[in-house]
Amino acid sequence: MAFDQNKLAQTIWGVLLIAMGVLLCVTEPYALRLSQESTFLSFARYFIAVFLAVGGVKKLYGLYFSKDKEPHSDE
């Protein structure tokens, strides 16, 4: 099995997306405590956090669990 730098970079990117989503969810209560109460701001930050985490999971799933689709030639 050859070392694939592109797959390693994509894996790191997926893990970082998940980590940023989780960290945004964890720091949300502290950020709202420092700012004024705003339900839209809270919704927007949680939406972005979920979007980041789901994007990271989708990237990792696509790299490791989906089947490679190779074009079939009819020759």
C-alpha atoms as a PDB file:
ATOM      1  CA  MET A   1       0.000   0.000   0.000  1.00  0.00           C
ATOM      2  CA  ALA A   2       1.573   3.231  -1.154  1.00  0.00           C
ATOM      3  CA  PHE A   3       1.646   6.370   0.942  1.00  0.00           C
ATOM      4  CA  ASP A   4      -0.835   8.841  -0.511  1.00  0.00           C
ATOM      5  CA  GLN A   5      -0.199  12.435   0.576  1.00  0.00           C
ATOM      6  CA  ASN A   6      -3.482  13.671  -0.897  1.00  0.00           C
ATOM      7  CA  LYS A   7      -5.491  11.181   1.170  1.00  0.00           C
ATOM      8  CA  LEU A   8      -3.537  12.154   4.292  1.00  0.00           C
ATOM      9  CA  ALA A   9      -4.222  15.846   3.678  1.00  0.00           C
ATOM     10  CA  GLN A  10      -7.927  15.169   3.105  1.00  0.00           C
ATOM     11  CA  THR A  11      -8.070  13.096   6.302  1.00  0.00           C
ATOM     12  CA  ILE A  12      -6.458  15.874   8.329  1.00  0.00           C
ATOM     13  CA  TRP A  13      -8.858  18.391   6.786  1.00  0.00           C
ATOM     14  CA  GLY A  14     -11.870  16.234   7.720  1.00  0.00           C
ATOM     15  CA  VAL A  15     -10.656  15.796  11.298  1.00  0.00           C
ATOM     16  CA  LEU A  16     -10.064  19.543  11.607  1.00  0.00           C
ATOM     17  CA  LEU A  17     -13.574  20.290  10.349  1.00  0.00           C
ATOM     18  CA  ILE A  18     -15.051  17.979  12.978  1.00  0.00           C
ATOM     19  CA  ALA A  19     -12.839  19.451  15.710  1.00  0.00           C
ATOM     20  CA  MET A  20     -13.803  23.027  14.820  1.00  0.00           C
ATOM     21  CA  GLY A  21     -17.491  22.124  14.841  1.00  0.00           C
ATOM     22  CA  VAL A  22     -17.231  20.514  18.263  1.00  0.00           C
ATOM     23  CA  LEU A  23     -15.149  23.375  19.676  1.00  0.00           C
ATOM     24  CA  LEU A  24     -17.642  25.916  18.390  1.00  0.00           C
ATOM     25  CA  CYS A  25     -20.442  24.046  20.185  1.00  0.00           C
ATOM     26  CA  VAL A  26     -18.400  23.887  23.387  1.00  0.00           C
ATOM     27  CA  THR A  27     -17.441  27.578  23.387  1.00  0.00           C
ATOM     28  CA  GLU A  28     -20.926  28.816  22.448  1.00  0.00           C
ATOM     29  CA  PRO A  29     -22.212  29.318  26.025  1.00  0.00           C
ATOM     30  CA  TYR A  30     -19.106  31.315  26.950  1.00  0.00           C
ATOM     31  CA  ALA A  31     -19.364  33.510  23.853  1.00  0.00           C
ATOM     32  CA  LEU A  32     -23.024  34.267  24.528  1.00  0.00           C
ATOM     33  CA  ARG A  33     -22.281  35.131  28.138  1.00  0.00           C
ATOM     34  CA  LEU A  34     -19.862  37.820  26.955  1.00  0.00           C
ATOM     35  CA  SER A  35     -22.215  39.258  24.331  1.00  0.00           C
ATOM     36  CA  GLN A  36     -25.800  40.424  24.489  1.00  0.00           C
ATOM     37  CA  GLU A  37     -28.555  37.818  24.494  1.00  0.00           C
ATOM     38  CA  SER A  38     -29.455  37.099  20.901  1.00  0.00           C
ATOM     39  CA  THR A  39     -31.320  34.017  19.751  1.00  0.00           C
ATOM     40  CA  PHE A  40     -30.301  34.576  16.134  1.00  0.00           C
ATOM     41  CA  LEU A  41     -26.616  34.696  17.070  1.00  0.00           C
ATOM     42  CA  SER A  42     -26.974  31.506  19.066  1.00  0.00           C
ATOM     43  CA  PHE A  43     -28.817  29.760  16.230  1.00  0.00           C
ATOM     44  CA  ALA A  44     -26.262  30.907  13.659  1.00  0.00           C
ATOM     45  CA  ARG A  45     -23.280  29.706  15.677  1.00  0.00           C
ATOM     46  CA  TYR A  46     -24.821  26.308  16.386  1.00  0.00           C
ATOM     47  CA  PHE A  47     -25.856  25.976  12.725  1.00  0.00           C
ATOM     48  CA  ILE A  48     -22.293  26.688  11.589  1.00  0.00           C
ATOM     49  CA  ALA A  49     -20.924  24.229  14.161  1.00  0.00           C
ATOM     50  CA  VAL A  50     -23.235  21.444  12.992  1.00  0.00           C
ATOM     51  CA  PHE A  51     -22.483  22.282   9.353  1.00  0.00           C
ATOM     52  CA  LEU A  52     -18.725  21.991   9.999  1.00  0.00           C
ATOM     53  CA  ALA A  53     -19.005  18.710  11.898  1.00  0.00           C
ATOM     54  CA  VAL A  54     -21.309  17.118   9.311  1.00  0.00           C
ATOM     55  CA  GLY A  55     -19.000  18.265   6.514  1.00  0.00           C
ATOM     56  CA  GLY A  56     -16.021  16.654   8.238  1.00  0.00           C
ATOM     57  CA  VAL A  57     -17.882  13.391   8.814  1.00  0.00           C
ATOM     58  CA  LYS A  58     -19.026  13.375   5.184  1.00  0.00           C
ATOM     59  CA  LYS A  59     -15.460  13.912   3.980  1.00  0.00           C
ATOM     60  CA  LEU A  60     -14.084  11.082   6.122  1.00  0.00           C
ATOM     61  CA  TYR A  61     -16.940   8.774   5.122  1.00  0.00           C
ATOM     62  CA  GLY A  62     -16.281   9.534   1.466  1.00  0.00           C
ATOM     63  CA  LEU A  63     -12.574   8.810   1.858  1.00  0.00           C
ATOM     64  CA  TYR A  64     -12.748   5.563   3.799  1.00  0.00           C
ATOM     65  CA  PHE A  65     -16.187   3.959   3.601  1.00  0.00           C
ATOM     66  CA  SER A  66     -17.587   4.687   0.159  1.00  0.00           C
ATOM     67  CA  LYS A  67     -16.812   2.373  -2.696  1.00  0.00           C
ATOM     68  CA  ASP A  68     -14.513   3.732  -5.377  1.00  0.00           C
ATOM     69  CA  LYS A  69     -16.424   4.258  -8.573  1.00  0.00           C
ATOM     70  CA  GLU A  70     -14.235   3.527 -11.529  1.00  0.00           C
ATOM     71  CA  PRO A  71     -15.521   4.069 -15.040  1.00  0.00           C
ATOM     72  CA  HIS A  72     -16.228   0.846 -16.904  1.00  0.00           C
ATOM     73  CA  SER A  73     -15.144   0.661 -20.497  1.00  0.00           C
ATOM     74  CA  ASP A  74     -17.343  -1.243 -22.944  1.00  0.00           C
ATOM     75  CA  GLU A  75     -14.461  -2.275 -25.192  1.00  0.00           C
END
